Amino acid sequence: MPRIRESTIREHREHTMTALLDSAEHILKTEGNAALTPARVSEGAGVARNTIYRYVRNMDDLRRLVLHRHLPSWNRALQSGLRGISDPRDIIAAWVRINLEQSSIHGHTWMMGLPASTADARTPPAHRSGDLPEAARPARPGHQADNHHRPG
């Protein structure tokens, strides 16, 4: 039985989940989606391979959780930056600027390498160990989110 180093089981689960997400994100950013396997993630997180499935149902859930680390703050930046702008040209200019800024903060290439089904920010992952961050919402209240997905 593995040792729990944290003072509570909740802290242990949070620590393990963070380690899994950190490992998965590192793999996605440095090697791409194809390299994301249970063995690689568990090795990077320092846990047994079957531990992953105590926290997520499958690797797609893990991909979504990694993506959900970034999309809510990206979306908040858009909402905040577009608030109060009414001129269409100013909206477009601000939208482009904010997305470029967020792309430099969070990265972009690695996110685009995820399968289109993973990128649907409105579908929360099936997570087993606690509350999830809220899924990203459309940047402008009352407008539909852009659902353009790459084929594949």
N, C-alpha and C. Protein backbone atom coordinates (compact mmCIF):
# COMPACT_ATOMS: atom_id res chain seq x y z
N MET A 1 0.85 -1.18 0.00
CA MET A 1 0.00 0.00 0.00
C MET A 1 0.90 1.24 0.00
N PRO A 2 0.57 2.21 -0.87
CA PRO A 2 1.42 3.40 -0.94
C PRO A 2 1.29 4.25 0.33
N ARG A 3 2.38 4.91 0.64
CA ARG A 3 2.37 5.79 1.80
C ARG A 3 1.74 7.13 1.43
N ILE A 4 1.00 7.67 2.36
CA ILE A 4 0.42 8.99 2.19
C ILE A 4 1.29 9.95 2.97
N ARG A 5 1.94 10.87 2.26
CA ARG A 5 2.86 11.82 2.89
C ARG A 5 2.13 13.06 3.41
N GLU A 6 0.99 13.36 2.85
CA GLU A 6 0.24 14.54 3.24
C GLU A 6 -0.50 14.26 4.55
N SER A 7 -0.97 15.32 5.19
CA SER A 7 -1.60 15.15 6.49
C SER A 7 -3.04 14.62 6.41
N THR A 8 -3.69 14.77 5.24
CA THR A 8 -5.05 14.24 5.08
C THR A 8 -5.15 13.50 3.75
N ILE A 9 -6.15 12.66 3.64
CA ILE A 9 -6.39 11.95 2.38
C ILE A 9 -6.76 12.95 1.29
N ARG A 10 -7.53 13.96 1.64
CA ARG A 10 -7.90 14.98 0.65
C ARG A 10 -6.66 15.66 0.08
N GLU A 11 -5.72 16.03 0.95
CA GLU A 11 -4.47 16.64 0.48
C GLU A 11 -3.70 15.67 -0.40
N HIS A 12 -3.70 14.41 -0.03
CA HIS A 12 -3.02 13.39 -0.83
C HIS A 12 -3.64 13.29 -2.23
N ARG A 13 -4.97 13.25 -2.27
CA ARG A 13 -5.65 13.16 -3.56
C ARG A 13 -5.38 14.40 -4.41
N GLU A 14 -5.40 15.58 -3.79
CA GLU A 14 -5.11 16.82 -4.53
C GLU A 14 -3.68 16.81 -5.05
N HIS A 15 -2.75 16.37 -4.24
CA HIS A 15 -1.35 16.29 -4.64
C HIS A 15 -1.18 15.31 -5.81
N THR A 16 -1.82 14.15 -5.70
CA THR A 16 -1.72 13.15 -6.77
C THR A 16 -2.35 13.66 -8.05
N MET A 17 -3.52 14.30 -7.95
CA MET A 17 -4.18 14.84 -9.14
C MET A 17 -3.30 15.90 -9.80
N THR A 18 -2.71 16.77 -9.00
CA THR A 18 -1.83 17.79 -9.54
C THR A 18 -0.63 17.16 -10.23
N ALA A 19 -0.07 16.12 -9.63
CA ALA A 19 1.07 15.43 -10.24
C ALA A 19 0.67 14.79 -11.58
N LEU A 20 -0.50 14.19 -11.63
CA LEU A 20 -0.98 13.59 -12.89
C LEU A 20 -1.17 14.66 -13.96
N LEU A 21 -1.81 15.77 -13.58
CA LEU A 21 -2.03 16.85 -14.55
C LEU A 21 -0.73 17.48 -15.00
N ASP A 22 0.19 17.70 -14.06
CA ASP A 22 1.49 18.27 -14.43
C ASP A 22 2.23 17.36 -15.40
N SER A 23 2.21 16.07 -15.11
CA SER A 23 2.89 15.11 -15.98
C SER A 23 2.25 15.09 -17.36
N ALA A 24 0.92 15.01 -17.41
CA ALA A 24 0.22 14.97 -18.69
C ALA A 24 0.47 16.25 -19.48
N GLU A 25 0.41 17.38 -18.82
CA GLU A 25 0.64 18.65 -19.52
C GLU A 25 2.06 18.73 -20.07
N HIS A 26 3.03 18.30 -19.29
CA HIS A 26 4.42 18.31 -19.75
C HIS A 26 4.57 17.44 -21.01
N ILE A 27 3.99 16.27 -20.99
CA ILE A 27 4.07 15.37 -22.15
C ILE A 27 3.39 16.01 -23.36
N LEU A 28 2.20 16.56 -23.16
CA LEU A 28 1.49 17.18 -24.28
C LEU A 28 2.28 18.35 -24.86
N LYS A 29 2.89 19.16 -24.00
CA LYS A 29 3.62 20.33 -24.48
C LYS A 29 4.95 19.97 -25.14
N THR A 30 5.60 18.94 -24.65
CA THR A 30 6.94 18.64 -25.16
C THR A 30 6.97 17.56 -26.23
N GLU A 31 6.02 16.63 -26.19
CA GLU A 31 6.06 15.51 -27.12
C GLU A 31 4.80 15.32 -27.95
N GLY A 32 3.73 15.98 -27.56
CA GLY A 32 2.49 15.88 -28.32
C GLY A 32 1.52 14.84 -27.82
N ASN A 33 0.34 14.88 -28.39
CA ASN A 33 -0.77 14.03 -27.96
C ASN A 33 -0.47 12.54 -28.08
N ALA A 34 0.21 12.14 -29.15
CA ALA A 34 0.46 10.72 -29.37
C ALA A 34 1.32 10.11 -28.26
N ALA A 35 2.13 10.91 -27.60
CA ALA A 35 3.00 10.41 -26.54
C ALA A 35 2.30 10.27 -25.20
N LEU A 36 1.08 10.75 -25.10
CA LEU A 36 0.36 10.71 -23.83
C LEU A 36 -0.23 9.31 -23.61
N THR A 37 0.42 8.55 -22.76
CA THR A 37 -0.03 7.19 -22.43
C THR A 37 -0.10 7.05 -20.91
N PRO A 38 -0.89 6.11 -20.42
CA PRO A 38 -0.95 5.91 -18.98
C PRO A 38 0.43 5.64 -18.37
N ALA A 39 1.24 4.84 -19.05
CA ALA A 39 2.57 4.53 -18.52
C ALA A 39 3.44 5.78 -18.41
N ARG A 40 3.42 6.62 -19.42
CA ARG A 40 4.24 7.84 -19.42
C ARG A 40 3.75 8.82 -18.36
N VAL A 41 2.43 8.98 -18.25
CA VAL A 41 1.88 9.92 -17.27
C VAL A 41 2.19 9.44 -15.86
N SER A 42 1.96 8.17 -15.59
CA SER A 42 2.21 7.67 -14.23
C SER A 42 3.69 7.73 -13.88
N GLU A 43 4.55 7.47 -14.84
CA GLU A 43 5.99 7.57 -14.59
C GLU A 43 6.35 9.02 -14.22
N GLY A 44 5.85 9.97 -14.98
CA GLY A 44 6.13 11.38 -14.71
C GLY A 44 5.55 11.85 -13.38
N ALA A 45 4.41 11.27 -12.99
CA ALA A 45 3.75 11.67 -11.75
C ALA A 45 4.29 10.91 -10.54
N GLY A 46 5.06 9.85 -10.80
CA GLY A 46 5.60 9.07 -9.69
C GLY A 46 4.57 8.21 -8.99
N VAL A 47 3.61 7.70 -9.77
CA VAL A 47 2.56 6.84 -9.20
C VAL A 47 2.45 5.57 -10.05
N ALA A 48 1.77 4.58 -9.50
CA ALA A 48 1.51 3.35 -10.26
C ALA A 48 0.55 3.65 -11.40
N ARG A 49 0.69 2.93 -12.50
CA ARG A 49 -0.13 3.21 -13.68
C ARG A 49 -1.63 3.13 -13.39
N ASN A 50 -2.05 2.16 -12.61
CA ASN A 50 -3.49 2.02 -12.34
C ASN A 50 -4.03 3.14 -11.47
N THR A 51 -3.17 3.91 -10.83
CA THR A 51 -3.61 5.05 -10.02
C THR A 51 -4.36 6.07 -10.85
N ILE A 52 -3.97 6.23 -12.10
CA ILE A 52 -4.62 7.21 -12.98
C ILE A 52 -6.13 7.01 -12.98
N TYR A 53 -6.54 5.75 -13.02
CA TYR A 53 -7.97 5.45 -13.17
C TYR A 53 -8.75 5.63 -11.87
N ARG A 54 -8.10 5.99 -10.79
CA ARG A 54 -8.80 6.39 -9.57
C ARG A 54 -9.19 7.87 -9.64
N TYR A 55 -8.60 8.58 -10.61
CA TYR A 55 -8.80 10.02 -10.73
C TYR A 55 -9.54 10.42 -12.00
N VAL A 56 -9.38 9.66 -13.06
CA VAL A 56 -10.06 9.92 -14.32
C VAL A 56 -10.52 8.60 -14.92
N ARG A 57 -11.53 8.66 -15.77
CA ARG A 57 -12.05 7.44 -16.38
C ARG A 57 -11.16 6.92 -17.50
N ASN A 58 -10.55 7.86 -18.23
CA ASN A 58 -9.71 7.45 -19.36
C ASN A 58 -8.78 8.60 -19.71
N MET A 59 -7.95 8.39 -20.71
CA MET A 59 -6.96 9.41 -21.08
C MET A 59 -7.63 10.65 -21.67
N ASP A 60 -8.78 10.49 -22.30
CA ASP A 60 -9.50 11.67 -22.81
C ASP A 60 -9.94 12.57 -21.66
N ASP A 61 -10.38 11.98 -20.55
CA ASP A 61 -10.71 12.77 -19.36
C ASP A 61 -9.49 13.56 -18.89
N LEU A 62 -8.35 12.91 -18.88
CA LEU A 62 -7.13 13.57 -18.44
C LEU A 62 -6.78 14.71 -19.39
N ARG A 63 -6.92 14.50 -20.68
CA ARG A 63 -6.67 15.57 -21.66
C ARG A 63 -7.59 16.76 -21.40
N ARG A 64 -8.87 16.48 -21.16
CA ARG A 64 -9.83 17.55 -20.90
C ARG A 64 -9.47 18.31 -19.62
N LEU A 65 -9.07 17.60 -18.59
CA LEU A 65 -8.69 18.27 -17.35
C LEU A 65 -7.48 19.18 -17.56
N VAL A 66 -6.52 18.73 -18.33
CA VAL A 66 -5.36 19.57 -18.63
C VAL A 66 -5.83 20.82 -19.37
N LEU A 67 -6.68 20.64 -20.35
CA LEU A 67 -7.20 21.77 -21.11
C LEU A 67 -7.99 22.71 -20.20
N HIS A 68 -8.76 22.15 -19.29
CA HIS A 68 -9.57 22.96 -18.37
C HIS A 68 -8.72 23.75 -17.37
N ARG A 69 -7.46 23.42 -17.25
CA ARG A 69 -6.56 24.24 -16.44
C ARG A 69 -6.38 25.62 -17.07
N HIS A 70 -6.49 25.70 -18.38
CA HIS A 70 -6.15 26.91 -19.10
C HIS A 70 -7.36 27.68 -19.63
N LEU A 71 -8.36 26.98 -20.09
CA LEU A 71 -9.48 27.66 -20.75
C LEU A 71 -10.28 28.61 -19.86
N PRO A 72 -10.55 28.29 -18.61
CA PRO A 72 -11.33 29.25 -17.82
C PRO A 72 -10.64 30.61 -17.67
N SER A 73 -9.34 30.63 -17.43
CA SER A 73 -8.66 31.92 -17.28
C SER A 73 -8.56 32.64 -18.63
N TRP A 74 -8.40 31.88 -19.70
CA TRP A 74 -8.38 32.47 -21.04
C TRP A 74 -9.73 33.13 -21.31
N ASN A 75 -10.79 32.40 -20.98
CA ASN A 75 -12.14 32.93 -21.19
C ASN A 75 -12.41 34.16 -20.33
N ARG A 76 -11.95 34.13 -19.07
CA ARG A 76 -12.13 35.30 -18.20
C ARG A 76 -11.40 36.51 -18.77
N ALA A 77 -10.21 36.30 -19.33
CA ALA A 77 -9.47 37.41 -19.94
C ALA A 77 -10.26 37.99 -21.11
N LEU A 78 -10.88 37.13 -21.91
CA LEU A 78 -11.71 37.61 -23.02
C LEU A 78 -12.92 38.38 -22.51
N GLN A 79 -13.62 37.81 -21.56
CA GLN A 79 -14.81 38.48 -21.03
C GLN A 79 -14.45 39.85 -20.45
N SER A 80 -13.40 39.90 -19.67
CA SER A 80 -12.99 41.14 -19.05
C SER A 80 -12.53 42.16 -20.10
N GLY A 81 -11.74 41.71 -21.05
CA GLY A 81 -11.20 42.61 -22.07
C GLY A 81 -12.23 43.12 -23.05
N LEU A 82 -13.30 42.38 -23.25
CA LEU A 82 -14.33 42.78 -24.21
C LEU A 82 -15.49 43.55 -23.55
N ARG A 83 -15.52 43.52 -22.23
CA ARG A 83 -16.60 44.18 -21.50
C ARG A 83 -16.61 45.68 -21.81
N GLY A 84 -17.76 46.17 -22.18
CA GLY A 84 -17.94 47.60 -22.42
C GLY A 84 -17.55 48.07 -23.81
N ILE A 85 -17.03 47.20 -24.63
CA ILE A 85 -16.66 47.59 -25.99
C ILE A 85 -17.87 47.35 -26.89
N SER A 86 -18.25 48.36 -27.67
CA SER A 86 -19.44 48.19 -28.51
C SER A 86 -19.12 48.34 -30.00
N ASP A 87 -18.07 49.03 -30.35
CA ASP A 87 -17.72 49.21 -31.75
C ASP A 87 -17.16 47.89 -32.29
N PRO A 88 -17.74 47.35 -33.38
CA PRO A 88 -17.29 46.07 -33.92
C PRO A 88 -15.78 46.02 -34.23
N ARG A 89 -15.23 47.09 -34.74
CA ARG A 89 -13.78 47.11 -35.02
C ARG A 89 -12.97 46.99 -33.74
N ASP A 90 -13.42 47.69 -32.71
CA ASP A 90 -12.71 47.63 -31.43
C ASP A 90 -12.84 46.24 -30.80
N ILE A 91 -14.01 45.63 -30.98
CA ILE A 91 -14.22 44.27 -30.47
C ILE A 91 -13.25 43.31 -31.14
N ILE A 92 -13.15 43.38 -32.45
CA ILE A 92 -12.26 42.48 -33.20
C ILE A 92 -10.81 42.73 -32.78
N ALA A 93 -10.40 43.98 -32.71
CA ALA A 93 -9.02 44.30 -32.33
C ALA A 93 -8.71 43.78 -30.93
N ALA A 94 -9.63 43.99 -29.99
CA ALA A 94 -9.41 43.52 -28.62
C ALA A 94 -9.40 42.00 -28.56
N TRP A 95 -10.31 41.37 -29.30
CA TRP A 95 -10.37 39.90 -29.31
C TRP A 95 -9.06 39.31 -29.82
N VAL A 96 -8.54 39.86 -30.89
CA VAL A 96 -7.27 39.36 -31.45
C VAL A 96 -6.14 39.59 -30.44
N ARG A 97 -6.04 40.79 -29.88
CA ARG A 97 -4.98 41.11 -28.92
C ARG A 97 -5.03 40.18 -27.72
N ILE A 98 -6.22 40.00 -27.16
CA ILE A 98 -6.37 39.16 -25.97
C ILE A 98 -6.01 37.71 -26.29
N ASN A 99 -6.46 37.20 -27.43
CA ASN A 99 -6.13 35.82 -27.79
C ASN A 99 -4.64 35.63 -28.03
N LEU A 100 -3.99 36.61 -28.62
CA LEU A 100 -2.54 36.52 -28.80
C LEU A 100 -1.82 36.53 -27.45
N GLU A 101 -2.27 37.39 -26.55
CA GLU A 101 -1.69 37.43 -25.21
C GLU A 101 -1.87 36.10 -24.49
N GLN A 102 -3.08 35.58 -24.53
CA GLN A 102 -3.37 34.31 -23.85
C GLN A 102 -2.59 33.15 -24.49
N SER A 103 -2.44 33.21 -25.79
CA SER A 103 -1.66 32.18 -26.49
C SER A 103 -0.22 32.18 -26.00
N SER A 104 0.33 33.37 -25.76
CA SER A 104 1.71 33.43 -25.28
C SER A 104 1.81 32.98 -23.83
N ILE A 105 0.77 33.17 -23.04
CA ILE A 105 0.76 32.75 -21.64
C ILE A 105 0.60 31.23 -21.52
N HIS A 106 -0.38 30.69 -22.21
CA HIS A 106 -0.74 29.28 -22.04
C HIS A 106 -0.13 28.35 -23.08
N GLY A 107 0.35 28.91 -24.15
CA GLY A 107 0.77 28.09 -25.27
C GLY A 107 -0.42 27.85 -26.18
N HIS A 108 -0.16 27.51 -27.38
CA HIS A 108 -1.25 27.32 -28.33
C HIS A 108 -1.05 26.06 -29.16
N THR A 109 0.16 25.84 -29.62
CA THR A 109 0.43 24.72 -30.51
C THR A 109 0.05 23.40 -29.88
N TRP A 110 0.41 23.20 -28.63
CA TRP A 110 0.11 21.93 -27.98
C TRP A 110 -1.39 21.73 -27.83
N MET A 111 -2.15 22.82 -27.59
CA MET A 111 -3.60 22.69 -27.46
C MET A 111 -4.23 22.29 -28.80
N MET A 112 -3.68 22.85 -29.88
CA MET A 112 -4.23 22.53 -31.20
C MET A 112 -3.94 21.09 -31.60
N GLY A 113 -2.97 20.44 -30.94
CA GLY A 113 -2.66 19.05 -31.21
C GLY A 113 -3.59 18.07 -30.53
N LEU A 114 -4.48 18.57 -29.67
CA LEU A 114 -5.42 17.69 -29.00
C LEU A 114 -6.57 17.33 -29.94
N PRO A 115 -7.14 16.15 -29.78
CA PRO A 115 -8.30 15.79 -30.62
C PRO A 115 -9.44 16.79 -30.45
N ALA A 116 -10.17 17.02 -31.50
CA ALA A 116 -11.28 18.00 -31.47
C ALA A 116 -12.27 17.68 -30.35
N SER A 117 -12.53 16.42 -30.08
CA SER A 117 -13.48 16.07 -29.02
C SER A 117 -12.97 16.52 -27.65
N THR A 118 -11.67 16.58 -27.46
CA THR A 118 -11.09 17.04 -26.20
C THR A 118 -11.28 18.53 -26.06
N ALA A 119 -11.24 19.24 -27.16
CA ALA A 119 -11.25 20.70 -27.12
C ALA A 119 -12.64 21.29 -26.87
N ASP A 120 -13.67 20.47 -26.81
CA ASP A 120 -15.00 21.01 -26.55
C ASP A 120 -15.08 21.43 -25.10
N ALA A 121 -14.83 22.70 -24.85
CA ALA A 121 -14.73 23.22 -23.48
C ALA A 121 -16.05 23.18 -22.73
N ARG A 122 -17.15 22.99 -23.44
CA ARG A 122 -18.43 22.96 -22.76
C ARG A 122 -18.76 21.59 -22.22
N THR A 123 -17.95 20.58 -22.54
CA THR A 123 -18.18 19.24 -22.04
C THR A 123 -17.24 18.98 -20.88
N PRO A 124 -17.73 19.05 -19.64
CA PRO A 124 -16.82 18.83 -18.52
C PRO A 124 -16.34 17.39 -18.48
N PRO A 125 -15.11 17.18 -18.06
CA PRO A 125 -14.60 15.83 -17.97
C PRO A 125 -15.30 15.05 -16.86
N ALA A 126 -15.30 13.75 -16.99
CA ALA A 126 -15.85 12.89 -15.95
C ALA A 126 -14.76 12.70 -14.91
N HIS A 127 -14.80 13.47 -13.88
CA HIS A 127 -13.74 13.54 -12.89
C HIS A 127 -14.22 12.87 -11.62
N ARG A 128 -13.38 12.09 -10.99
CA ARG A 128 -13.81 11.31 -9.85
C ARG A 128 -13.37 11.86 -8.50
N SER A 129 -12.51 12.86 -8.46
CA SER A 129 -11.96 13.22 -7.16
C SER A 129 -12.26 14.64 -6.72
N GLY A 130 -13.39 15.18 -7.11
CA GLY A 130 -13.73 16.49 -6.58
C GLY A 130 -14.36 17.38 -7.62
N ASP A 131 -14.56 18.62 -7.25
CA ASP A 131 -15.18 19.58 -8.15
C ASP A 131 -14.23 19.96 -9.27
N LEU A 132 -14.81 20.21 -10.42
CA LEU A 132 -14.04 20.62 -11.58
C LEU A 132 -14.13 22.11 -11.76
N PRO A 133 -13.13 22.69 -12.44
CA PRO A 133 -13.30 24.08 -12.84
C PRO A 133 -14.48 24.17 -13.80
N GLU A 134 -15.16 25.30 -13.79
CA GLU A 134 -16.28 25.48 -14.69
C GLU A 134 -15.82 25.45 -16.13
N ALA A 135 -16.61 24.84 -16.99
CA ALA A 135 -16.24 24.82 -18.41
C ALA A 135 -16.27 26.24 -18.96
N ALA A 136 -15.45 26.47 -19.95
CA ALA A 136 -15.41 27.81 -20.56
C ALA A 136 -16.75 28.12 -21.20
N ARG A 137 -17.17 29.37 -21.07
CA ARG A 137 -18.43 29.83 -21.65
C ARG A 137 -18.13 30.78 -22.79
N PRO A 138 -19.12 31.08 -23.60
CA PRO A 138 -18.87 32.06 -24.66
C PRO A 138 -18.34 33.37 -24.09
N ALA A 139 -17.45 34.01 -24.83
CA ALA A 139 -16.79 35.22 -24.35
C ALA A 139 -17.76 36.38 -24.20
N ARG A 140 -18.80 36.43 -25.01
CA ARG A 140 -19.77 37.52 -24.95
C ARG A 140 -21.11 36.95 -24.52
N PRO A 141 -21.68 37.40 -23.40
CA PRO A 141 -22.98 36.88 -22.97
C PRO A 141 -24.02 37.03 -24.07
N GLY A 142 -24.79 35.98 -24.25
CA GLY A 142 -25.86 36.00 -25.25
C GLY A 142 -25.42 35.54 -26.62
N HIS A 143 -24.15 35.26 -26.80
CA HIS A 143 -23.65 34.79 -28.08
C HIS A 143 -23.25 33.33 -27.95
N GLN A 144 -23.41 32.59 -29.01
CA GLN A 144 -23.02 31.19 -29.01
C GLN A 144 -21.52 31.05 -29.11
N ALA A 145 -20.98 30.03 -28.50
CA ALA A 145 -19.55 29.75 -28.62
C ALA A 145 -19.26 29.25 -30.03
N ASP A 146 -18.07 29.51 -30.47
CA ASP A 146 -17.62 29.06 -31.78
C ASP A 146 -17.26 27.59 -31.68
N ASN A 147 -17.95 26.75 -32.42
CA ASN A 147 -17.72 25.31 -32.35
C ASN A 147 -17.03 24.76 -33.58
N HIS A 148 -16.11 25.50 -34.15
CA HIS A 148 -15.40 24.99 -35.32
C HIS A 148 -14.35 24.02 -34.85
N HIS A 149 -14.50 22.78 -35.25
CA HIS A 149 -13.55 21.74 -34.87
C HIS A 149 -12.81 21.27 -36.12
N ARG A 150 -11.55 20.92 -35.90
CA ARG A 150 -10.78 20.35 -36.98
C ARG A 150 -11.29 18.94 -37.24
N PRO A 151 -11.30 18.50 -38.50
CA PRO A 151 -11.72 17.13 -38.77
C PRO A 151 -10.72 16.15 -38.16
N GLY A 152 -11.21 14.99 -37.80
CA GLY A 152 -10.27 13.99 -37.32
C GLY A 152 -10.71 13.19 -36.22
